[in-house]
C-alpha cells in the first residue's frame, strides 16, 4: 500500500504554510490521519483520476472530501471543480472550497459548478484552525456520503 491509497481528505493547496496549518488542524481535531496534499490543480486531477504520478493509486477507497483552494498555478480551483463535477466517476465527491477570496462572483461560480461548501480562510490562526476542524469533523464524522 502506498501512502495515498487510503485517503479520506485530499487537500489541494499551493501555499505550503496554509497546507501545514490545515493539516495540523485536521490532525489535531482527529478528523483524519488519512490526508494527502497536492500543490495544484493538475496534481489534484491526476490524484483523483489515478493518472500521472498517481496511476497506481487504489481507487477502491473513495475520498470523503476534497478541500480545494481557488487561486493556484497551472490549473485553478474552479477549473478543477468544473472537471470533477462533470465527470460521472467523480461528480459525487464532496468538494469544499477553502480560499482567501470572499468575492461574490467566486462564491456564486463555485456553487454553480457544484461545490458542496465555500469557506473563506480566516486570517487569525485560531479562527483558521477552528474552521478547518469543523470542516473535517463534518465531512469525516457526520456526513453520509452517497453510495458509489
Foldseek 3Di string as FASTA:
>chain_A
DDLQQAAQEEEEAQDPVLVVLLVVLCVVLVLDPRYHYDRHLVVVVCCQVCDDPRVVHHNPHPHLEYEAEADHPPDGRLRSLLVQCVDPVRNQHAYEYEYQDPDPVVVVSSVVSPHPYYHHQDPDSVVNSVVSSVVSCCSRPNDDGDDD
